[in-house]
Amino acid sequence: MNSGVYDQEQPQEKLVHSLEHGNIVIYYDEPGEETINEFSGPWDGIVVVPKPGLGESIVLTAWTKKLAQPQFDPDAAASFIDEYRGRGPENPVR
């Protein structure tokens, strides 16, 4: 999948393939306006997709890693992204 923010659910197999390539997949449902603003902008290696049932929670995933946030914490999210982006089993960039 291409990096970016999606407003429709995406096929699970495409999301898993993105994780294999070292991308970060972020799931949201009803994140609130402030969090939506955080998702705007260039997102190299990050796929943001809706997942009904999360409410205001945000879930960040990487290959074999997960960070669930009841409320979006941009600093924790940035640390997770810095730690795991580019570390999938296919074509790791670092």
PDB file of N, CA and C in Angstrom:
ATOM      1  N   MET A   1       0.844  -1.186   0.000  1.00  0.00           N
ATOM      2  CA  MET A   1       0.000   0.000   0.000  1.00  0.00           C
ATOM      3  C   MET A   1       0.877   1.233   0.000  1.00  0.00           C
ATOM      4  N   ASN A   2       0.362   2.273  -0.594  1.00  0.00           N
ATOM      5  CA  ASN A   2       1.067   3.544  -0.533  1.00  0.00           C
ATOM      6  C   ASN A   2       0.892   4.169   0.839  1.00  0.00           C
ATOM      7  N   SER A   3       1.901   4.886   1.270  1.00  0.00           N
ATOM      8  CA  SER A   3       1.798   5.631   2.524  1.00  0.00           C
ATOM      9  C   SER A   3       0.697   6.667   2.402  1.00  0.00           C
ATOM     10  N   GLY A   4       0.081   7.009   3.521  1.00  0.00           N
ATOM     11  CA  GLY A   4      -0.940   8.047   3.503  1.00  0.00           C
ATOM     12  C   GLY A   4      -2.042   7.777   4.501  1.00  0.00           C
ATOM     13  N   VAL A   5      -2.990   8.690   4.534  1.00  0.00           N
ATOM     14  CA  VAL A   5      -4.138   8.607   5.421  1.00  0.00           C
ATOM     15  C   VAL A   5      -5.343   8.168   4.604  1.00  0.00           C
ATOM     16  N   TYR A   6      -5.963   7.075   4.996  1.00  0.00           N
ATOM     17  CA  TYR A   6      -7.113   6.513   4.298  1.00  0.00           C
ATOM     18  C   TYR A   6      -8.368   6.738   5.139  1.00  0.00           C
ATOM     19  N   ASP A   7      -9.493   6.981   4.470  1.00  0.00           N
ATOM     20  CA  ASP A   7     -10.749   7.155   5.196  1.00  0.00           C
ATOM     21  C   ASP A   7     -11.662   5.944   5.043  1.00  0.00           C
ATOM     22  N   GLN A   8     -11.167   4.890   4.402  1.00  0.00           N
ATOM     23  CA  GLN A   8     -11.907   3.633   4.238  1.00  0.00           C
ATOM     24  C   GLN A   8     -11.036   2.492   4.775  1.00  0.00           C
ATOM     25  N   GLU A   9     -11.686   1.480   5.357  1.00  0.00           N
ATOM     26  CA  GLU A   9     -10.937   0.302   5.783  1.00  0.00           C
ATOM     27  C   GLU A   9     -10.208  -0.292   4.587  1.00  0.00           C
ATOM     28  N   GLN A  10      -9.067  -0.909   4.841  1.00  0.00           N
ATOM     29  CA  GLN A  10      -8.244  -1.494   3.790  1.00  0.00           C
ATOM     30  C   GLN A  10      -8.120  -3.003   4.033  1.00  0.00           C
ATOM     31  N   PRO A  11      -7.898  -3.778   2.972  1.00  0.00           N
ATOM     32  CA  PRO A  11      -7.758  -5.222   3.138  1.00  0.00           C
ATOM     33  C   PRO A  11      -6.601  -5.571   4.069  1.00  0.00           C
ATOM     34  N   GLN A  12      -6.865  -6.489   4.992  1.00  0.00           N
ATOM     35  CA  GLN A  12      -5.861  -6.871   5.988  1.00  0.00           C
ATOM     36  C   GLN A  12      -4.580  -7.376   5.345  1.00  0.00           C
ATOM     37  N   GLU A  13      -4.697  -8.123   4.238  1.00  0.00           N
ATOM     38  CA  GLU A  13      -3.491  -8.661   3.605  1.00  0.00           C
ATOM     39  C   GLU A  13      -2.585  -7.550   3.071  1.00  0.00           C
ATOM     40  N   LYS A  14      -3.164  -6.456   2.614  1.00  0.00           N
ATOM     41  CA  LYS A  14      -2.348  -5.321   2.157  1.00  0.00           C
ATOM     42  C   LYS A  14      -1.657  -4.639   3.327  1.00  0.00           C
ATOM     43  N   LEU A  15      -2.357  -4.542   4.454  1.00  0.00           N
ATOM     44  CA  LEU A  15      -1.759  -3.927   5.639  1.00  0.00           C
ATOM     45  C   LEU A  15      -0.609  -4.776   6.171  1.00  0.00           C
ATOM     46  N   VAL A  16      -0.794  -6.084   6.204  1.00  0.00           N
ATOM     47  CA  VAL A  16       0.275  -6.981   6.652  1.00  0.00           C
ATOM     48  C   VAL A  16       1.476  -6.877   5.713  1.00  0.00           C
ATOM     49  N   HIS A  17       1.221  -6.800   4.424  1.00  0.00           N
ATOM     50  CA  HIS A  17       2.322  -6.663   3.468  1.00  0.00           C
ATOM     51  C   HIS A  17       3.076  -5.349   3.703  1.00  0.00           C
ATOM     52  N   SER A  18       2.358  -4.291   4.035  1.00  0.00           N
ATOM     53  CA  SER A  18       3.009  -3.020   4.358  1.00  0.00           C
ATOM     54  C   SER A  18       3.900  -3.171   5.586  1.00  0.00           C
ATOM     55  N   LEU A  19       3.415  -3.888   6.589  1.00  0.00           N
ATOM     56  CA  LEU A  19       4.225  -4.130   7.795  1.00  0.00           C
ATOM     57  C   LEU A  19       5.479  -4.932   7.453  1.00  0.00           C
ATOM     58  N   GLU A  20       5.338  -5.912   6.568  1.00  0.00           N
ATOM     59  CA  GLU A  20       6.489  -6.722   6.157  1.00  0.00           C
ATOM     60  C   GLU A  20       7.575  -5.857   5.529  1.00  0.00           C
ATOM     61  N   HIS A  21       7.169  -4.790   4.866  1.00  0.00           N
ATOM     62  CA  HIS A  21       8.132  -3.892   4.220  1.00  0.00           C
ATOM     63  C   HIS A  21       8.638  -2.799   5.162  1.00  0.00           C
ATOM     64  N   GLY A  22       8.270  -2.882   6.429  1.00  0.00           N
ATOM     65  CA  GLY A  22       8.797  -1.936   7.404  1.00  0.00           C
ATOM     66  C   GLY A  22       7.954  -0.698   7.614  1.00  0.00           C
ATOM     67  N   ASN A  23       6.771  -0.664   7.027  1.00  0.00           N
ATOM     68  CA  ASN A  23       5.888   0.481   7.257  1.00  0.00           C
ATOM     69  C   ASN A  23       5.228   0.378   8.623  1.00  0.00           C
ATOM     70  N   ILE A  24       4.766   1.488   9.112  1.00  0.00           N
ATOM     71  CA  ILE A  24       3.974   1.564  10.335  1.00  0.00           C
ATOM     72  C   ILE A  24       2.519   1.706   9.908  1.00  0.00           C
ATOM     73  N   VAL A  25       1.627   0.920  10.514  1.00  0.00           N
ATOM     74  CA  VAL A  25       0.194   1.048  10.263  1.00  0.00           C
ATOM     75  C   VAL A  25      -0.448   1.583  11.533  1.00  0.00           C
ATOM     76  N   ILE A  26      -1.165   2.691  11.383  1.00  0.00           N
ATOM     77  CA  ILE A  26      -1.853   3.318  12.508  1.00  0.00           C
ATOM     78  C   ILE A  26      -3.352   3.171  12.286  1.00  0.00           C
ATOM     79  N   TYR A  27      -4.033   2.633  13.297  1.00  0.00           N
ATOM     80  CA  TYR A  27      -5.485   2.441  13.237  1.00  0.00           C
ATOM     81  C   TYR A  27      -6.175   3.501  14.084  1.00  0.00           C
ATOM     82  N   TYR A  28      -7.290   4.011  13.570  1.00  0.00           N
ATOM     83  CA  TYR A  28      -8.082   5.004  14.295  1.00  0.00           C
ATOM     84  C   TYR A  28      -9.560   4.746  14.046  1.00  0.00           C
ATOM     85  N   ASP A  29     -10.411   5.329  14.879  1.00  0.00           N
ATOM     86  CA  ASP A  29     -11.858   5.252  14.668  1.00  0.00           C
ATOM     87  C   ASP A  29     -12.440   6.653  14.773  1.00  0.00           C
ATOM     88  N   GLU A  30     -12.487   7.182  15.971  1.00  0.00           N
ATOM     89  CA  GLU A  30     -13.013   8.532  16.222  1.00  0.00           C
ATOM     90  C   GLU A  30     -11.961   9.310  17.012  1.00  0.00           C
ATOM     91  N   PRO A  31     -10.874   9.688  16.354  1.00  0.00           N
ATOM     92  CA  PRO A  31      -9.726  10.224  17.091  1.00  0.00           C
ATOM     93  C   PRO A  31      -9.870  11.643  17.618  1.00  0.00           C
ATOM     94  N   GLY A  32     -10.846  12.384  17.169  1.00  0.00           N
ATOM     95  CA  GLY A  32     -10.955  13.776  17.575  1.00  0.00           C
ATOM     96  C   GLY A  32     -10.197  14.676  16.614  1.00  0.00           C
ATOM     97  N   GLU A  33     -10.611  15.925  16.558  1.00  0.00           N
ATOM     98  CA  GLU A  33     -10.054  16.872  15.577  1.00  0.00           C
ATOM     99  C   GLU A  33      -8.563  17.116  15.777  1.00  0.00           C
ATOM    100  N   GLU A  34      -8.118  17.233  17.021  1.00  0.00           N
ATOM    101  CA  GLU A  34      -6.705  17.504  17.281  1.00  0.00           C
ATOM    102  C   GLU A  34      -5.822  16.365  16.766  1.00  0.00           C
ATOM    103  N   THR A  35      -6.253  15.152  16.974  1.00  0.00           N
ATOM    104  CA  THR A  35      -5.493  13.997  16.490  1.00  0.00           C
ATOM    105  C   THR A  35      -5.511  13.936  14.974  1.00  0.00           C
ATOM    106  N   ILE A  36      -6.643  14.219  14.372  1.00  0.00           N
ATOM    107  CA  ILE A  36      -6.730  14.244  12.901  1.00  0.00           C
ATOM    108  C   ILE A  36      -5.711  15.219  12.338  1.00  0.00           C
ATOM    109  N   ASN A  37      -5.547  16.368  12.964  1.00  0.00           N
ATOM    110  CA  ASN A  37      -4.554  17.341  12.504  1.00  0.00           C
ATOM    111  C   ASN A  37      -3.143  16.772  12.577  1.00  0.00           C
ATOM    112  N   GLU A  38      -2.858  15.943  13.571  1.00  0.00           N
ATOM    113  CA  GLU A  38      -1.540  15.307  13.686  1.00  0.00           C
ATOM    114  C   GLU A  38      -1.285  14.351  12.515  1.00  0.00           C
ATOM    115  N   PHE A  39      -2.353  13.760  11.966  1.00  0.00           N
ATOM    116  CA  PHE A  39      -2.213  12.813  10.864  1.00  0.00           C
ATOM    117  C   PHE A  39      -1.984  13.509   9.531  1.00  0.00           C
ATOM    118  N   SER A  40      -2.203  14.797   9.452  1.00  0.00           N
ATOM    119  CA  SER A  40      -2.026  15.528   8.193  1.00  0.00           C
ATOM    120  C   SER A  40      -0.543  15.691   7.901  1.00  0.00           C
ATOM    121  N   GLY A  41      -0.212  15.767   6.635  1.00  0.00           N
ATOM    122  CA  GLY A  41       1.172  16.030   6.252  1.00  0.00           C
ATOM    123  C   GLY A  41       1.816  14.822   5.604  1.00  0.00           C
ATOM    124  N   PRO A  42       3.085  14.955   5.246  1.00  0.00           N
ATOM    125  CA  PRO A  42       3.784  13.856   4.580  1.00  0.00           C
ATOM    126  C   PRO A  42       4.079  12.722   5.560  1.00  0.00           C
ATOM    127  N   TRP A  43       3.726  11.528   5.177  1.00  0.00           N
ATOM    128  CA  TRP A  43       3.900  10.359   6.035  1.00  0.00           C
ATOM    129  C   TRP A  43       4.677   9.289   5.282  1.00  0.00           C
ATOM    130  N   ASP A  44       5.950   9.414   5.171  1.00  0.00           N
ATOM    131  CA  ASP A  44       6.759   8.414   4.489  1.00  0.00           C
ATOM    132  C   ASP A  44       6.815   7.141   5.337  1.00  0.00           C
ATOM    133  N   GLY A  45       6.347   6.031   4.768  1.00  0.00           N
ATOM    134  CA  GLY A  45       6.405   4.763   5.478  1.00  0.00           C
ATOM    135  C   GLY A  45       5.332   4.580   6.535  1.00  0.00           C
ATOM    136  N   ILE A  46       4.266   5.376   6.471  1.00  0.00           N
ATOM    137  CA  ILE A  46       3.193   5.277   7.454  1.00  0.00           C
ATOM    138  C   ILE A  46       1.857   5.202   6.729  1.00  0.00           C
ATOM    139  N   VAL A  47       1.062   4.211   7.126  1.00  0.00           N
ATOM    140  CA  VAL A  47      -0.276   4.007   6.586  1.00  0.00           C
ATOM    141  C   VAL A  47      -1.254   4.221   7.734  1.00  0.00           C
ATOM    142  N   VAL A  48      -2.201   5.127   7.561  1.00  0.00           N
ATOM    143  CA  VAL A  48      -3.184   5.446   8.598  1.00  0.00           C
ATOM    144  C   VAL A  48      -4.558   5.022   8.079  1.00  0.00           C
ATOM    145  N   VAL A  49      -5.206   4.095   8.807  1.00  0.00           N
ATOM    146  CA  VAL A  49      -6.474   3.528   8.335  1.00  0.00           C
ATOM    147  C   VAL A  49      -7.495   3.457   9.464  1.00  0.00           C
ATOM    148  N   PRO A  50      -8.779   3.566   9.113  1.00  0.00           N
ATOM    149  CA  PRO A  50      -9.817   3.439  10.131  1.00  0.00           C
ATOM    150  C   PRO A  50     -10.022   1.980  10.559  1.00  0.00           C
ATOM    151  N   LYS A  51     -10.398   1.820  11.810  1.00  0.00           N
ATOM    152  CA  LYS A  51     -10.771   0.510  12.352  1.00  0.00           C
ATOM    153  C   LYS A  51     -11.918   0.739  13.320  1.00  0.00           C
ATOM    154  N   PRO A  52     -13.138   0.460  12.892  1.00  0.00           N
ATOM    155  CA  PRO A  52     -14.303   0.692  13.754  1.00  0.00           C
ATOM    156  C   PRO A  52     -14.185  -0.032  15.094  1.00  0.00           C
ATOM    157  N   GLY A  53     -14.689   0.639  16.123  1.00  0.00           N
ATOM    158  CA  GLY A  53     -14.707   0.043  17.454  1.00  0.00           C
ATOM    159  C   GLY A  53     -13.616   0.543  18.374  1.00  0.00           C
ATOM    160  N   LEU A  54     -12.671   1.323  17.856  1.00  0.00           N
ATOM    161  CA  LEU A  54     -11.585   1.833  18.701  1.00  0.00           C
ATOM    162  C   LEU A  54     -11.996   3.065  19.502  1.00  0.00           C
ATOM    163  N   GLY A  55     -13.055   3.750  19.082  1.00  0.00           N
ATOM    164  CA  GLY A  55     -13.426   5.002  19.753  1.00  0.00           C
ATOM    165  C   GLY A  55     -12.318   6.019  19.566  1.00  0.00           C
ATOM    166  N   GLU A  56     -11.879   6.644  20.653  1.00  0.00           N
ATOM    167  CA  GLU A  56     -10.805   7.638  20.575  1.00  0.00           C
ATOM    168  C   GLU A  56      -9.414   7.016  20.635  1.00  0.00           C
ATOM    169  N   SER A  57      -9.333   5.708  20.857  1.00  0.00           N
ATOM    170  CA  SER A  57      -8.037   5.035  20.943  1.00  0.00           C
ATOM    171  C   SER A  57      -7.335   5.041  19.594  1.00  0.00           C
ATOM    172  N   ILE A  58      -6.024   5.006  19.657  1.00  0.00           N
ATOM    173  CA  ILE A  58      -5.165   4.912  18.480  1.00  0.00           C
ATOM    174  C   ILE A  58      -4.274   3.691  18.692  1.00  0.00           C
ATOM    175  N   VAL A  59      -4.093   2.882  17.649  1.00  0.00           N
ATOM    176  CA  VAL A  59      -3.218   1.714  17.746  1.00  0.00           C
ATOM    177  C   VAL A  59      -2.166   1.817  16.647  1.00  0.00           C
ATOM    178  N   LEU A  60      -0.911   1.845  17.058  1.00  0.00           N
ATOM    179  CA  LEU A  60       0.208   1.869  16.129  1.00  0.00           C
ATOM    180  C   LEU A  60       0.768   0.457  16.046  1.00  0.00           C
ATOM    181  N   THR A  61       1.043  -0.010  14.825  1.00  0.00           N
ATOM    182  CA  THR A  61       1.602  -1.342  14.652  1.00  0.00           C
ATOM    183  C   THR A  61       2.822  -1.287  13.739  1.00  0.00           C
ATOM    184  N   ALA A  62       3.753  -2.161  14.047  1.00  0.00           N
ATOM    185  CA  ALA A  62       4.933  -2.401  13.220  1.00  0.00           C
ATOM    186  C   ALA A  62       5.073  -3.920  13.171  1.00  0.00           C
ATOM    187  N   TRP A  63       6.037  -4.429  12.422  1.00  0.00           N
ATOM    188  CA  TRP A  63       6.205  -5.869  12.328  1.00  0.00           C
ATOM    189  C   TRP A  63       6.486  -6.428  13.722  1.00  0.00           C
ATOM    190  N   THR A  64       5.585  -7.234  14.251  1.00  0.00           N
ATOM    191  CA  THR A  64       5.614  -7.883  15.569  1.00  0.00           C
ATOM    192  C   THR A  64       5.534  -6.913  16.750  1.00  0.00           C
ATOM    193  N   LYS A  65       5.199  -5.664  16.529  1.00  0.00           N
ATOM    194  CA  LYS A  65       5.122  -4.668  17.614  1.00  0.00           C
ATOM    195  C   LYS A  65       3.780  -3.951  17.571  1.00  0.00           C
ATOM    196  N   LYS A  66       3.309  -3.508  18.750  1.00  0.00           N
ATOM    197  CA  LYS A  66       2.042  -2.775  18.829  1.00  0.00           C
ATOM    198  C   LYS A  66       2.100  -1.799  19.999  1.00  0.00           C
ATOM    199  N   LEU A  67       1.549  -0.615  19.768  1.00  0.00           N
ATOM    200  CA  LEU A  67       1.396   0.385  20.818  1.00  0.00           C
ATOM    201  C   LEU A  67      -0.046   0.874  20.788  1.00  0.00           C
ATOM    202  N   ALA A  68      -0.813   0.523  21.822  1.00  0.00           N
ATOM    203  CA  ALA A  68      -2.198   0.970  21.925  1.00  0.00           C
ATOM    204  C   ALA A  68      -2.251   2.182  22.849  1.00  0.00           C
ATOM    205  N   GLN A  69      -2.890   3.236  22.372  1.00  0.00           N
ATOM    206  CA  GLN A  69      -3.004   4.470  23.144  1.00  0.00           C
ATOM    207  C   GLN A  69      -4.481   4.801  23.364  1.00  0.00           C
ATOM    208  N   PRO A  70      -4.941   4.836  24.619  1.00  0.00           N
ATOM    209  CA  PRO A  70      -6.328   5.228  24.881  1.00  0.00           C
ATOM    210  C   PRO A  70      -6.614   6.660  24.408  1.00  0.00           C
ATOM    211  N   GLN A  71      -5.624   7.517  24.531  1.00  0.00           N
ATOM    212  CA  GLN A  71      -5.654   8.889  24.011  1.00  0.00           C
ATOM    213  C   GLN A  71      -4.369   9.066  23.214  1.00  0.00           C
ATOM    214  N   PHE A  72      -4.451   9.728  22.079  1.00  0.00           N
ATOM    215  CA  PHE A  72      -3.278   9.901  21.228  1.00  0.00           C
ATOM    216  C   PHE A  72      -2.200  10.698  21.944  1.00  0.00           C
ATOM    217  N   ASP A  73      -1.003  10.133  21.998  1.00  0.00           N
ATOM    218  CA  ASP A  73       0.164  10.782  22.590  1.00  0.00           C
ATOM    219  C   ASP A  73       1.193  10.949  21.476  1.00  0.00           C
ATOM    220  N   PRO A  74       1.316  12.171  20.919  1.00  0.00           N
ATOM    221  CA  PRO A  74       2.210  12.351  19.768  1.00  0.00           C
ATOM    222  C   PRO A  74       3.670  12.019  20.061  1.00  0.00           C
ATOM    223  N   ASP A  75       4.139  12.278  21.284  1.00  0.00           N
ATOM    224  CA  ASP A  75       5.539  11.974  21.607  1.00  0.00           C
ATOM    225  C   ASP A  75       5.791  10.470  21.639  1.00  0.00           C
ATOM    226  N   ALA A  76       4.870   9.720  22.261  1.00  0.00           N
ATOM    227  CA  ALA A  76       5.013   8.258  22.295  1.00  0.00           C
ATOM    228  C   ALA A  76       4.886   7.679  20.890  1.00  0.00           C
ATOM    229  N   ALA A  77       3.977   8.229  20.089  1.00  0.00           N
ATOM    230  CA  ALA A  77       3.809   7.766  18.713  1.00  0.00           C
ATOM    231  C   ALA A  77       5.081   8.021  17.906  1.00  0.00           C
ATOM    232  N   ALA A  78       5.667   9.193  18.058  1.00  0.00           N
ATOM    233  CA  ALA A  78       6.901   9.520  17.331  1.00  0.00           C
ATOM    234  C   ALA A  78       8.036   8.586  17.732  1.00  0.00           C
ATOM    235  N   SER A  79       8.140   8.262  19.021  1.00  0.00           N
ATOM    236  CA  SER A  79       9.178   7.340  19.483  1.00  0.00           C
ATOM    237  C   SER A  79       8.985   5.951  18.884  1.00  0.00           C
ATOM    238  N   PHE A  80       7.730   5.485  18.857  1.00  0.00           N
ATOM    239  CA  PHE A  80       7.418   4.182  18.277  1.00  0.00           C
ATOM    240  C   PHE A  80       7.793   4.158  16.793  1.00  0.00           C
ATOM    241  N   ILE A  81       7.403   5.208  16.075  1.00  0.00           N
ATOM    242  CA  ILE A  81       7.697   5.295  14.644  1.00  0.00           C
ATOM    243  C   ILE A  81       9.204   5.321  14.406  1.00  0.00           C
ATOM    244  N   ASP A  82       9.931   6.127  15.183  1.00  0.00           N
ATOM    245  CA  ASP A  82      11.389   6.200  15.032  1.00  0.00           C
ATOM    246  C   ASP A  82      12.059   4.853  15.305  1.00  0.00           C
ATOM    247  N   GLU A  83      11.545   4.125  16.290  1.00  0.00           N
ATOM    248  CA  GLU A  83      12.132   2.845  16.687  1.00  0.00           C
ATOM    249  C   GLU A  83      11.903   1.743  15.655  1.00  0.00           C
ATOM    250  N   TYR A  84      10.707   1.693  15.047  1.00  0.00           N
ATOM    251  CA  TYR A  84      10.326   0.520  14.263  1.00  0.00           C
ATOM    252  C   TYR A  84      10.132   0.731  12.763  1.00  0.00           C
ATOM    253  N   ARG A  85      10.007   1.962  12.302  1.00  0.00           N
ATOM    254  CA  ARG A  85       9.819   2.165  10.856  1.00  0.00           C
ATOM    255  C   ARG A  85      11.062   1.682  10.106  1.00  0.00           C
ATOM    256  N   GLY A  86      10.834   0.946   9.034  1.00  0.00           N
ATOM    257  CA  GLY A  86      11.942   0.431   8.227  1.00  0.00           C
ATOM    258  C   GLY A  86      12.528  -0.865   8.753  1.00  0.00           C
ATOM    259  N   ARG A  87      11.848  -1.505   9.714  1.00  0.00           N
ATOM    260  CA  ARG A  87      12.399  -2.720  10.309  1.00  0.00           C
ATOM    261  C   ARG A  87      11.558  -3.960  10.056  1.00  0.00           C
ATOM    262  N   GLY A  88      10.930  -4.033   8.895  1.00  0.00           N
ATOM    263  CA  GLY A  88      10.183  -5.230   8.534  1.00  0.00           C
ATOM    264  C   GLY A  88      11.115  -6.296   7.977  1.00  0.00           C
ATOM    265  N   PRO A  89      10.634  -7.543   7.849  1.00  0.00           N
ATOM    266  CA  PRO A  89      11.491  -8.625   7.368  1.00  0.00           C
ATOM    267  C   PRO A  89      11.820  -8.556   5.876  1.00  0.00           C
ATOM    268  N   GLU A  90      11.018  -7.840   5.087  1.00  0.00           N
ATOM    269  CA  GLU A  90      11.305  -7.698   3.652  1.00  0.00           C
ATOM    270  C   GLU A  90      11.903  -6.319   3.391  1.00  0.00           C
ATOM    271  N   ASN A  91      13.016  -6.285   2.751  1.00  0.00           N
ATOM    272  CA  ASN A  91      13.663  -5.023   2.359  1.00  0.00           C
ATOM    273  C   ASN A  91      13.872  -4.056   3.527  1.00  0.00           C
ATOM    274  N   PRO A  92      14.453  -4.515   4.640  1.00  0.00           N
ATOM    275  CA  PRO A  92      14.656  -3.571   5.740  1.00  0.00           C
ATOM    276  C   PRO A  92      15.595  -2.444   5.328  1.00  0.00           C
ATOM    277  N   VAL A  93      15.249  -1.236   5.731  1.00  0.00           N
ATOM    278  CA  VAL A  93      16.070  -0.075   5.363  1.00  0.00           C
ATOM    279  C   VAL A  93      17.066   0.269   6.456  1.00  0.00           C
ATOM    280  N   ARG A  94      16.934  -0.377   7.610  1.00  0.00           N
ATOM    281  CA  ARG A  94      17.915  -0.180   8.678  1.00  0.00           C
ATOM    282  C   ARG A  94      17.892  -1.331   9.633  1.00  0.00           C
TER     283      ARG A  94
END
